[in-house]
Amino acid sequence: MEAVTLLQSAFDAVLGLALLWLAWRALASPDLFRSIVLFIAFGLLMALAWVRLDAPDIALAEAAIGAGLTGALLLAALARLESKNETKKLHKKDNESEVHDQGC
């Protein structure tokens, strides 16, 4: 029985350290896609932490809203942001070629 308690305490400690590490990496990452993926992983581990704290209702909400819905919205926003940047780059390239052609 004592070994089970020790194992649970070790799991809780590893879970807490993993949450801290994921939060730090999500905030410090220069790549937006990687940050979003780390945020989703953080939300799923946070749901596991809520389960360990005997709060399954909060765990379910965290997994559904925190990791699922918010993660999907962030990925969609990133996709739109990247498509707008590509469009701006294409327009800028077209404008530069027009100016270059007119100057010759």
PDB file of N, CA and C in Angstrom:
ATOM      1  N   MET A   1       0.826  -1.201   0.000  1.00  0.00           N
ATOM      2  CA  MET A   1       0.000   0.000   0.000  1.00  0.00           C
ATOM      3  C   MET A   1       0.861   1.252   0.000  1.00  0.00           C
ATOM      4  N   GLU A   2       1.943   1.202   0.711  1.00  0.00           N
ATOM      5  CA  GLU A   2       2.839   2.352   0.769  1.00  0.00           C
ATOM      6  C   GLU A   2       3.494   2.611  -0.587  1.00  0.00           C
ATOM      7  N   ALA A   3       3.757   1.539  -1.340  1.00  0.00           N
ATOM      8  CA  ALA A   3       4.366   1.681  -2.668  1.00  0.00           C
ATOM      9  C   ALA A   3       3.407   2.364  -3.639  1.00  0.00           C
ATOM     10  N   VAL A   4       2.112   2.076  -3.496  1.00  0.00           N
ATOM     11  CA  VAL A   4       1.121   2.709  -4.369  1.00  0.00           C
ATOM     12  C   VAL A   4       1.065   4.208  -4.098  1.00  0.00           C
ATOM     13  N   THR A   5       1.090   4.595  -2.860  1.00  0.00           N
ATOM     14  CA  THR A   5       1.070   6.015  -2.497  1.00  0.00           C
ATOM     15  C   THR A   5       2.320   6.722  -3.003  1.00  0.00           C
ATOM     16  N   LEU A   6       3.451   6.049  -2.891  1.00  0.00           N
ATOM     17  CA  LEU A   6       4.698   6.625  -3.383  1.00  0.00           C
ATOM     18  C   LEU A   6       4.658   6.776  -4.906  1.00  0.00           C
ATOM     19  N   LEU A   7       4.109   5.772  -5.588  1.00  0.00           N
ATOM     20  CA  LEU A   7       3.988   5.832  -7.040  1.00  0.00           C
ATOM     21  C   LEU A   7       3.037   6.950  -7.468  1.00  0.00           C
ATOM     22  N   GLN A   8       1.933   7.123  -6.758  1.00  0.00           N
ATOM     23  CA  GLN A   8       0.994   8.204  -7.076  1.00  0.00           C
ATOM     24  C   GLN A   8       1.636   9.571  -6.850  1.00  0.00           C
ATOM     25  N   SER A   9       2.392   9.691  -5.777  1.00  0.00           N
ATOM     26  CA  SER A   9       3.082  10.959  -5.518  1.00  0.00           C
ATOM     27  C   SER A   9       4.114  11.258  -6.589  1.00  0.00           C
ATOM     28  N   ALA A  10       4.832  10.229  -7.022  1.00  0.00           N
ATOM     29  CA  ALA A  10       5.819  10.426  -8.085  1.00  0.00           C
ATOM     30  C   ALA A  10       5.121  10.829  -9.387  1.00  0.00           C
ATOM     31  N   PHE A  11       3.988  10.190  -9.697  1.00  0.00           N
ATOM     32  CA  PHE A  11       3.234  10.547 -10.901  1.00  0.00           C
ATOM     33  C   PHE A  11       2.759  11.989 -10.831  1.00  0.00           C
ATOM     34  N   ASP A  12       2.253  12.404  -9.667  1.00  0.00           N
ATOM     35  CA  ASP A  12       1.779  13.776  -9.507  1.00  0.00           C
ATOM     36  C   ASP A  12       2.925  14.776  -9.670  1.00  0.00           C
ATOM     37  N   ALA A  13       4.099  14.429  -9.159  1.00  0.00           N
ATOM     38  CA  ALA A  13       5.255  15.318  -9.296  1.00  0.00           C
ATOM     39  C   ALA A  13       5.685  15.435 -10.756  1.00  0.00           C
ATOM     40  N   VAL A  14       5.713  14.303 -11.456  1.00  0.00           N
ATOM     41  CA  VAL A  14       6.078  14.329 -12.875  1.00  0.00           C
ATOM     42  C   VAL A  14       5.030  15.105 -13.670  1.00  0.00           C
ATOM     43  N   LEU A  15       3.762  14.926 -13.342  1.00  0.00           N
ATOM     44  CA  LEU A  15       2.694  15.666 -14.013  1.00  0.00           C
ATOM     45  C   LEU A  15       2.841  17.170 -13.793  1.00  0.00           C
ATOM     46  N   GLY A  16       3.127  17.572 -12.566  1.00  0.00           N
ATOM     47  CA  GLY A  16       3.318  18.994 -12.271  1.00  0.00           C
ATOM     48  C   GLY A  16       4.512  19.574 -13.011  1.00  0.00           C
ATOM     49  N   LEU A  17       5.612  18.836 -13.046  1.00  0.00           N
ATOM     50  CA  LEU A  17       6.793  19.312 -13.768  1.00  0.00           C
ATOM     51  C   LEU A  17       6.531  19.366 -15.270  1.00  0.00           C
ATOM     52  N   ALA A  18       5.803  18.387 -15.792  1.00  0.00           N
ATOM     53  CA  ALA A  18       5.470  18.399 -17.217  1.00  0.00           C
ATOM     54  C   ALA A  18       4.584  19.596 -17.564  1.00  0.00           C
ATOM     55  N   LEU A  19       3.653  19.927 -16.675  1.00  0.00           N
ATOM     56  CA  LEU A  19       2.800  21.101 -16.910  1.00  0.00           C
ATOM     57  C   LEU A  19       3.625  22.382 -16.933  1.00  0.00           C
ATOM     58  N   LEU A  20       4.534  22.506 -15.991  1.00  0.00           N
ATOM     59  CA  LEU A  20       5.400  23.695 -15.961  1.00  0.00           C
ATOM     60  C   LEU A  20       6.277  23.775 -17.207  1.00  0.00           C
ATOM     61  N   TRP A  21       6.839  22.636 -17.610  1.00  0.00           N
ATOM     62  CA  TRP A  21       7.707  22.616 -18.783  1.00  0.00           C
ATOM     63  C   TRP A  21       6.926  22.967 -20.047  1.00  0.00           C
ATOM     64  N   LEU A  22       5.734  22.368 -20.198  1.00  0.00           N
ATOM     65  CA  LEU A  22       4.926  22.664 -21.386  1.00  0.00           C
ATOM     66  C   LEU A  22       4.496  24.125 -21.427  1.00  0.00           C
ATOM     67  N   ALA A  23       4.123  24.664 -20.281  1.00  0.00           N
ATOM     68  CA  ALA A  23       3.724  26.075 -20.238  1.00  0.00           C
ATOM     69  C   ALA A  23       4.895  26.970 -20.638  1.00  0.00           C
ATOM     70  N   TRP A  24       6.068  26.676 -20.119  1.00  0.00           N
ATOM     71  CA  TRP A  24       7.249  27.480 -20.444  1.00  0.00           C
ATOM     72  C   TRP A  24       7.581  27.378 -21.935  1.00  0.00           C
ATOM     73  N   ARG A  25       7.569  26.167 -22.475  1.00  0.00           N
ATOM     74  CA  ARG A  25       7.901  25.974 -23.881  1.00  0.00           C
ATOM     75  C   ARG A  25       6.860  26.628 -24.792  1.00  0.00           C
ATOM     76  N   ALA A  26       5.596  26.569 -24.413  1.00  0.00           N
ATOM     77  CA  ALA A  26       4.548  27.191 -25.227  1.00  0.00           C
ATOM     78  C   ALA A  26       4.714  28.708 -25.267  1.00  0.00           C
ATOM     79  N   LEU A  27       5.119  29.291 -24.158  1.00  0.00           N
ATOM     80  CA  LEU A  27       5.297  30.743 -24.111  1.00  0.00           C
ATOM     81  C   LEU A  27       6.601  31.204 -24.747  1.00  0.00           C
ATOM     82  N   ALA A  28       7.643  30.382 -24.664  1.00  0.00           N
ATOM     83  CA  ALA A  28       8.964  30.795 -25.127  1.00  0.00           C
ATOM     84  C   ALA A  28       9.264  30.394 -26.570  1.00  0.00           C
ATOM     85  N   SER A  29       8.415  29.630 -27.189  1.00  0.00           N
ATOM     86  CA  SER A  29       8.686  29.144 -28.545  1.00  0.00           C
ATOM     87  C   SER A  29       8.490  30.267 -29.569  1.00  0.00           C
ATOM     88  N   PRO A  30       9.465  30.459 -30.463  1.00  0.00           N
ATOM     89  CA  PRO A  30       9.303  31.493 -31.492  1.00  0.00           C
ATOM     90  C   PRO A  30       8.377  31.060 -32.631  1.00  0.00           C
ATOM     91  N   ASP A  31       8.149  29.766 -32.778  1.00  0.00           N
ATOM     92  CA  ASP A  31       7.299  29.234 -33.836  1.00  0.00           C
ATOM     93  C   ASP A  31       5.852  29.164 -33.340  1.00  0.00           C
ATOM     94  N   LEU A  32       4.945  29.836 -34.027  1.00  0.00           N
ATOM     95  CA  LEU A  32       3.555  29.893 -33.580  1.00  0.00           C
ATOM     96  C   LEU A  32       2.867  28.539 -33.639  1.00  0.00           C
ATOM     97  N   PHE A  33       3.123  27.755 -34.661  1.00  0.00           N
ATOM     98  CA  PHE A  33       2.496  26.442 -34.761  1.00  0.00           C
ATOM     99  C   PHE A  33       2.917  25.555 -33.597  1.00  0.00           C
ATOM    100  N   ARG A  34       4.198  25.557 -33.294  1.00  0.00           N
ATOM    101  CA  ARG A  34       4.699  24.761 -32.172  1.00  0.00           C
ATOM    102  C   ARG A  34       4.074  25.239 -30.857  1.00  0.00           C
ATOM    103  N   SER A  35       3.927  26.535 -30.699  1.00  0.00           N
ATOM    104  CA  SER A  35       3.302  27.063 -29.484  1.00  0.00           C
ATOM    105  C   SER A  35       1.869  26.580 -29.332  1.00  0.00           C
ATOM    106  N   ILE A  36       1.138  26.546 -30.429  1.00  0.00           N
ATOM    107  CA  ILE A  36      -0.249  26.095 -30.373  1.00  0.00           C
ATOM    108  C   ILE A  36      -0.322  24.613 -30.033  1.00  0.00           C
ATOM    109  N   VAL A  37       0.548  23.808 -30.646  1.00  0.00           N
ATOM    110  CA  VAL A  37       0.560  22.378 -30.346  1.00  0.00           C
ATOM    111  C   VAL A  37       0.926  22.145 -28.877  1.00  0.00           C
ATOM    112  N   LEU A  38       1.885  22.890 -28.368  1.00  0.00           N
ATOM    113  CA  LEU A  38       2.247  22.771 -26.955  1.00  0.00           C
ATOM    114  C   LEU A  38       1.111  23.228 -26.051  1.00  0.00           C
ATOM    115  N   PHE A  39       0.367  24.238 -26.476  1.00  0.00           N
ATOM    116  CA  PHE A  39      -0.784  24.693 -25.706  1.00  0.00           C
ATOM    117  C   PHE A  39      -1.850  23.605 -25.634  1.00  0.00           C
ATOM    118  N   ILE A  40      -2.077  22.915 -26.743  1.00  0.00           N
ATOM    119  CA  ILE A  40      -3.056  21.823 -26.754  1.00  0.00           C
ATOM    120  C   ILE A  40      -2.596  20.694 -25.841  1.00  0.00           C
ATOM    121  N   ALA A  41      -1.312  20.354 -25.917  1.00  0.00           N
ATOM    122  CA  ALA A  41      -0.773  19.307 -25.040  1.00  0.00           C
ATOM    123  C   ALA A  41      -0.887  19.726 -23.575  1.00  0.00           C
ATOM    124  N   PHE A  42      -0.651  20.996 -23.294  1.00  0.00           N
ATOM    125  CA  PHE A  42      -0.804  21.512 -21.934  1.00  0.00           C
ATOM    126  C   PHE A  42      -2.241  21.352 -21.459  1.00  0.00           C
ATOM    127  N   GLY A  43      -3.197  21.659 -22.323  1.00  0.00           N
ATOM    128  CA  GLY A  43      -4.602  21.518 -21.953  1.00  0.00           C
ATOM    129  C   GLY A  43      -4.981  20.081 -21.644  1.00  0.00           C
ATOM    130  N   LEU A  44      -4.438  19.143 -22.424  1.00  0.00           N
ATOM    131  CA  LEU A  44      -4.737  17.736 -22.170  1.00  0.00           C
ATOM    132  C   LEU A  44      -4.110  17.248 -20.864  1.00  0.00           C
ATOM    133  N   LEU A  45      -2.878  17.675 -20.592  1.00  0.00           N
ATOM    134  CA  LEU A  45      -2.261  17.301 -19.312  1.00  0.00           C
ATOM    135  C   LEU A  45      -2.959  17.986 -18.141  1.00  0.00           C
ATOM    136  N   MET A  46      -3.446  19.189 -18.372  1.00  0.00           N
ATOM    137  CA  MET A  46      -4.190  19.877 -17.315  1.00  0.00           C
ATOM    138  C   MET A  46      -5.487  19.133 -17.017  1.00  0.00           C
ATOM    139  N   ALA A  47      -6.119  18.589 -18.034  1.00  0.00           N
ATOM    140  CA  ALA A  47      -7.317  17.771 -17.821  1.00  0.00           C
ATOM    141  C   ALA A  47      -6.971  16.541 -16.979  1.00  0.00           C
ATOM    142  N   LEU A  48      -5.823  15.949 -17.258  1.00  0.00           N
ATOM    143  CA  LEU A  48      -5.377  14.809 -16.453  1.00  0.00           C
ATOM    144  C   LEU A  48      -5.128  15.217 -15.002  1.00  0.00           C
ATOM    145  N   ALA A  49      -4.591  16.401 -14.808  1.00  0.00           N
ATOM    146  CA  ALA A  49      -4.378  16.895 -13.447  1.00  0.00           C
ATOM    147  C   ALA A  49      -5.711  17.079 -12.723  1.00  0.00           C
ATOM    148  N   TRP A  50      -6.726  17.573 -13.420  1.00  0.00           N
ATOM    149  CA  TRP A  50      -8.044  17.721 -12.802  1.00  0.00           C
ATOM    150  C   TRP A  50      -8.645  16.364 -12.433  1.00  0.00           C
ATOM    151  N   VAL A  51      -8.391  15.362 -13.271  1.00  0.00           N
ATOM    152  CA  VAL A  51      -8.855  14.014 -12.942  1.00  0.00           C
ATOM    153  C   VAL A  51      -8.168  13.528 -11.668  1.00  0.00           C
ATOM    154  N   ARG A  52      -6.871  13.773 -11.558  1.00  0.00           N
ATOM    155  CA  ARG A  52      -6.132  13.369 -10.360  1.00  0.00           C
ATOM    156  C   ARG A  52      -6.652  14.091  -9.114  1.00  0.00           C
ATOM    157  N   LEU A  53      -7.203  15.272  -9.299  1.00  0.00           N
ATOM    158  CA  LEU A  53      -7.764  16.034  -8.169  1.00  0.00           C
ATOM    159  C   LEU A  53      -9.234  15.703  -7.925  1.00  0.00           C
ATOM    160  N   ASP A  54      -9.725  14.638  -8.560  1.00  0.00           N
ATOM    161  CA  ASP A  54     -11.108  14.184  -8.420  1.00  0.00           C
ATOM    162  C   ASP A  54     -12.129  15.239  -8.832  1.00  0.00           C
ATOM    163  N   ALA A  55     -11.870  15.879  -9.955  1.00  0.00           N
ATOM    164  CA  ALA A  55     -12.797  16.853 -10.517  1.00  0.00           C
ATOM    165  C   ALA A  55     -13.039  16.507 -11.989  1.00  0.00           C
ATOM    166  N   PRO A  56     -13.785  15.419 -12.240  1.00  0.00           N
ATOM    167  CA  PRO A  56     -13.954  14.991 -13.635  1.00  0.00           C
ATOM    168  C   PRO A  56     -14.755  15.969 -14.491  1.00  0.00           C
ATOM    169  N   ASP A  57     -15.656  16.727 -13.888  1.00  0.00           N
ATOM    170  CA  ASP A  57     -16.423  17.699 -14.664  1.00  0.00           C
ATOM    171  C   ASP A  57     -15.519  18.814 -15.195  1.00  0.00           C
ATOM    172  N   ILE A  58     -14.621  19.288 -14.359  1.00  0.00           N
ATOM    173  CA  ILE A  58     -13.684  20.326 -14.792  1.00  0.00           C
ATOM    174  C   ILE A  58     -12.696  19.754 -15.799  1.00  0.00           C
ATOM    175  N   ALA A  59     -12.301  18.490 -15.594  1.00  0.00           N
ATOM    176  CA  ALA A  59     -11.382  17.837 -16.525  1.00  0.00           C
ATOM    177  C   ALA A  59     -12.006  17.731 -17.914  1.00  0.00           C
ATOM    178  N   LEU A  60     -13.256  17.370 -17.964  1.00  0.00           N
ATOM    179  CA  LEU A  60     -13.947  17.257 -19.246  1.00  0.00           C
ATOM    180  C   LEU A  60     -14.060  18.622 -19.926  1.00  0.00           C
ATOM    181  N   ALA A  61     -14.383  19.644 -19.150  1.00  0.00           N
ATOM    182  CA  ALA A  61     -14.472  20.993 -19.711  1.00  0.00           C
ATOM    183  C   ALA A  61     -13.107  21.469 -20.201  1.00  0.00           C
ATOM    184  N   GLU A  62     -12.065  21.171 -19.444  1.00  0.00           N
ATOM    185  CA  GLU A  62     -10.706  21.559 -19.842  1.00  0.00           C
ATOM    186  C   GLU A  62     -10.298  20.879 -21.141  1.00  0.00           C
ATOM    187  N   ALA A  63     -10.599  19.601 -21.253  1.00  0.00           N
ATOM    188  CA  ALA A  63     -10.231  18.870 -22.462  1.00  0.00           C
ATOM    189  C   ALA A  63     -11.037  19.363 -23.666  1.00  0.00           C
ATOM    190  N   ALA A  64     -12.323  19.582 -23.475  1.00  0.00           N
ATOM    191  CA  ALA A  64     -13.179  19.980 -24.591  1.00  0.00           C
ATOM    192  C   ALA A  64     -12.951  21.425 -25.010  1.00  0.00           C
ATOM    193  N   ILE A  65     -12.937  22.315 -24.045  1.00  0.00           N
ATOM    194  CA  ILE A  65     -12.826  23.745 -24.359  1.00  0.00           C
ATOM    195  C   ILE A  65     -11.379  24.190 -24.426  1.00  0.00           C
ATOM    196  N   GLY A  66     -10.627  23.872 -23.376  1.00  0.00           N
ATOM    197  CA  GLY A  66      -9.245  24.351 -23.286  1.00  0.00           C
ATOM    198  C   GLY A  66      -8.342  23.789 -24.363  1.00  0.00           C
ATOM    199  N   ALA A  67      -8.378  22.481 -24.546  1.00  0.00           N
ATOM    200  CA  ALA A  67      -7.496  21.869 -25.544  1.00  0.00           C
ATOM    201  C   ALA A  67      -8.181  21.766 -26.899  1.00  0.00           C
ATOM    202  N   GLY A  68      -9.418  21.307 -26.936  1.00  0.00           N
ATOM    203  CA  GLY A  68     -10.086  21.046 -28.206  1.00  0.00           C
ATOM    204  C   GLY A  68     -10.514  22.281 -28.964  1.00  0.00           C
ATOM    205  N   LEU A  69     -11.468  22.988 -28.422  1.00  0.00           N
ATOM    206  CA  LEU A  69     -12.051  24.135 -29.126  1.00  0.00           C
ATOM    207  C   LEU A  69     -11.052  25.278 -29.293  1.00  0.00           C
ATOM    208  N   THR A  70     -10.391  25.642 -28.215  1.00  0.00           N
ATOM    209  CA  THR A  70      -9.441  26.756 -28.290  1.00  0.00           C
ATOM    210  C   THR A  70      -8.271  26.407 -29.205  1.00  0.00           C
ATOM    211  N   GLY A  71      -7.796  25.168 -29.114  1.00  0.00           N
ATOM    212  CA  GLY A  71      -6.708  24.745 -29.994  1.00  0.00           C
ATOM    213  C   GLY A  71      -7.112  24.798 -31.457  1.00  0.00           C
ATOM    214  N   ALA A  72      -8.312  24.342 -31.763  1.00  0.00           N
ATOM    215  CA  ALA A  72      -8.793  24.381 -33.147  1.00  0.00           C
ATOM    216  C   ALA A  72      -8.942  25.816 -33.640  1.00  0.00           C
ATOM    217  N   LEU A  73      -9.453  26.700 -32.787  1.00  0.00           N
ATOM    218  CA  LEU A  73      -9.593  28.109 -33.184  1.00  0.00           C
ATOM    219  C   LEU A  73      -8.232  28.769 -33.396  1.00  0.00           C
ATOM    220  N   LEU A  74      -7.270  28.443 -32.551  1.00  0.00           N
ATOM    221  CA  LEU A  74      -5.931  29.006 -32.723  1.00  0.00           C
ATOM    222  C   LEU A  74      -5.283  28.499 -34.010  1.00  0.00           C
ATOM    223  N   LEU A  75      -5.451  27.214 -34.315  1.00  0.00           N
ATOM    224  CA  LEU A  75      -4.898  26.681 -35.565  1.00  0.00           C
ATOM    225  C   LEU A  75      -5.572  27.315 -36.782  1.00  0.00           C
ATOM    226  N   ALA A  76      -6.883  27.545 -36.714  1.00  0.00           N
ATOM    227  CA  ALA A  76      -7.581  28.204 -37.818  1.00  0.00           C
ATOM    228  C   ALA A  76      -7.106  29.645 -37.981  1.00  0.00           C
ATOM    229  N   ALA A  77      -6.913  30.348 -36.879  1.00  0.00           N
ATOM    230  CA  ALA A  77      -6.421  31.726 -36.947  1.00  0.00           C
ATOM    231  C   ALA A  77      -5.009  31.768 -37.532  1.00  0.00           C
ATOM    232  N   LEU A  78      -4.172  30.802 -37.158  1.00  0.00           N
ATOM    233  CA  LEU A  78      -2.816  30.750 -37.710  1.00  0.00           C
ATOM    234  C   LEU A  78      -2.852  30.490 -39.209  1.00  0.00           C
ATOM    235  N   ALA A  79      -3.735  29.615 -39.649  1.00  0.00           N
ATOM    236  CA  ALA A  79      -3.847  29.331 -41.081  1.00  0.00           C
ATOM    237  C   ALA A  79      -4.289  30.581 -41.854  1.00  0.00           C
ATOM    238  N   ARG A  80      -5.224  31.313 -41.304  1.00  0.00           N
ATOM    239  CA  ARG A  80      -5.672  32.557 -41.969  1.00  0.00           C
ATOM    240  C   ARG A  80      -4.561  33.596 -41.987  1.00  0.00           C
ATOM    241  N   LEU A  81      -3.822  33.683 -40.894  1.00  0.00           N
ATOM    242  CA  LEU A  81      -2.727  34.646 -40.811  1.00  0.00           C
ATOM    243  C   LEU A  81      -1.658  34.323 -41.845  1.00  0.00           C
ATOM    244  N   GLU A  82      -1.313  33.047 -41.975  1.00  0.00           N
ATOM    245  CA  GLU A  82      -0.301  32.653 -42.953  1.00  0.00           C
ATOM    246  C   GLU A  82      -0.786  32.867 -44.378  1.00  0.00           C
ATOM    247  N   SER A  83      -2.076  32.625 -44.651  1.00  0.00           N
ATOM    248  CA  SER A  83      -2.582  32.844 -46.011  1.00  0.00           C
ATOM    249  C   SER A  83      -2.592  34.334 -46.349  1.00  0.00           C
ATOM    250  N   LYS A  84      -2.889  35.185 -45.371  1.00  0.00           N
ATOM    251  CA  LYS A  84      -2.851  36.628 -45.626  1.00  0.00           C
ATOM    252  C   LYS A  84      -1.424  37.098 -45.873  1.00  0.00           C
ATOM    253  N   ASN A  85      -0.462  36.533 -45.133  1.00  0.00           N
ATOM    254  CA  ASN A  85       0.935  36.888 -45.356  1.00  0.00           C
ATOM    255  C   ASN A  85       1.401  36.463 -46.734  1.00  0.00           C
ATOM    256  N   GLU A  86       0.976  35.292 -47.192  1.00  0.00           N
ATOM    257  CA  GLU A  86       1.334  34.829 -48.531  1.00  0.00           C
ATOM    258  C   GLU A  86       0.733  35.740 -49.588  1.00  0.00           C
ATOM    259  N   THR A  87      -0.505  36.171 -49.378  1.00  0.00           N
ATOM    260  CA  THR A  87      -1.157  37.072 -50.325  1.00  0.00           C
ATOM    261  C   THR A  87      -0.422  38.406 -50.388  1.00  0.00           C
ATOM    262  N   LYS A  88      -0.031  38.927 -49.235  1.00  0.00           N
ATOM    263  CA  LYS A  88       0.710  40.190 -49.206  1.00  0.00           C
ATOM    264  C   LYS A  88       2.054  40.053 -49.907  1.00  0.00           C
ATOM    265  N   LYS A  89       2.733  38.920 -49.710  1.00  0.00           N
ATOM    266  CA  LYS A  89       4.023  38.710 -50.365  1.00  0.00           C
ATOM    267  C   LYS A  89       3.858  38.652 -51.872  1.00  0.00           C
ATOM    268  N   LEU A  90       2.794  37.991 -52.340  1.00  0.00           N
ATOM    269  CA  LEU A  90       2.557  37.913 -53.788  1.00  0.00           C
ATOM    270  C   LEU A  90       2.263  39.285 -54.372  1.00  0.00           C
ATOM    271  N   HIS A  91       1.444  40.086 -53.677  1.00  0.00           N
ATOM    272  CA  HIS A  91       1.133  41.436 -54.169  1.00  0.00           C
ATOM    273  C   HIS A  91       2.381  42.309 -54.163  1.00  0.00           C
ATOM    274  N   LYS A  92       3.189  42.186 -53.148  1.00  0.00           N
ATOM    275  CA  LYS A  92       4.406  42.985 -53.071  1.00  0.00           C
ATOM    276  C   LYS A  92       5.358  42.597 -54.191  1.00  0.00           C
ATOM    277  N   LYS A  93       5.460  41.307 -54.465  1.00  0.00           N
ATOM    278  CA  LYS A  93       6.325  40.831 -55.537  1.00  0.00           C
ATOM    279  C   LYS A  93       5.824  41.324 -56.897  1.00  0.00           C
ATOM    280  N   ASP A  94       4.496  41.300 -57.098  1.00  0.00           N
ATOM    281  CA  ASP A  94       3.920  41.787 -58.358  1.00  0.00           C
ATOM    282  C   ASP A  94       4.171  43.280 -58.520  1.00  0.00           C
ATOM    283  N   ASN A  95       4.007  44.049 -57.446  1.00  0.00           N
ATOM    284  CA  ASN A  95       4.236  45.498 -57.512  1.00  0.00           C
ATOM    285  C   ASN A  95       5.700  45.803 -57.800  1.00  0.00           C
ATOM    286  N   GLU A  96       6.614  45.054 -57.208  1.00  0.00           N
ATOM    287  CA  GLU A  96       8.034  45.281 -57.453  1.00  0.00           C
ATOM    288  C   GLU A  96       8.395  44.971 -58.902  1.00  0.00           C
ATOM    289  N   SER A  97       7.804  43.913 -59.463  1.00  0.00           N
ATOM    290  CA  SER A  97       8.106  43.581 -60.857  1.00  0.00           C
ATOM    291  C   SER A  97       7.531  44.621 -61.806  1.00  0.00           C
ATOM    292  N   GLU A  98       6.369  45.207 -61.465  1.00  0.00           N
ATOM    293  CA  GLU A  98       5.786  46.258 -62.303  1.00  0.00           C
ATOM    294  C   GLU A  98       6.657  47.497 -62.282  1.00  0.00           C
ATOM    295  N   VAL A  99       7.157  47.872 -61.111  1.00  0.00           N
ATOM    296  CA  VAL A  99       8.015  49.049 -61.011  1.00  0.00           C
ATOM    297  C   VAL A  99       9.311  48.805 -61.741  1.00  0.00           C
ATOM    298  N   HIS A 100       9.839  47.596 -61.637  1.00  0.00           N
ATOM    299  CA  HIS A 100      11.073  47.258 -62.316  1.00  0.00           C
ATOM    300  C   HIS A 100      10.891  47.280 -63.837  1.00  0.00           C
ATOM    301  N   ASP A 101       9.750  46.771 -64.320  1.00  0.00           N
ATOM    302  CA  ASP A 101       9.463  46.765 -65.756  1.00  0.00           C
ATOM    303  C   ASP A 101       9.252  48.177 -66.282  1.00  0.00           C
ATOM    304  N   GLN A 102       8.650  49.052 -65.511  1.00  0.00           N
ATOM    305  CA  GLN A 102       8.411  50.425 -65.946  1.00  0.00           C
ATOM    306  C   GLN A 102       9.690  51.240 -65.963  1.00  0.00           C
ATOM    307  N   GLY A 103      10.611  50.891 -65.069  1.00  0.00           N
ATOM    308  CA  GLY A 103      11.867  51.649 -64.966  1.00  0.00           C
ATOM    309  C   GLY A 103      12.813  51.368 -66.109  1.00  0.00           C
ATOM    310  N   CYS A 104      12.666  50.229 -66.802  1.00  0.00           N
ATOM    311  CA  CYS A 104      13.598  49.867 -67.862  1.00  0.00           C
ATOM    312  C   CYS A 104      13.308  50.538 -69.133  1.00  0.00           C
TER     313      CYS A 104
END
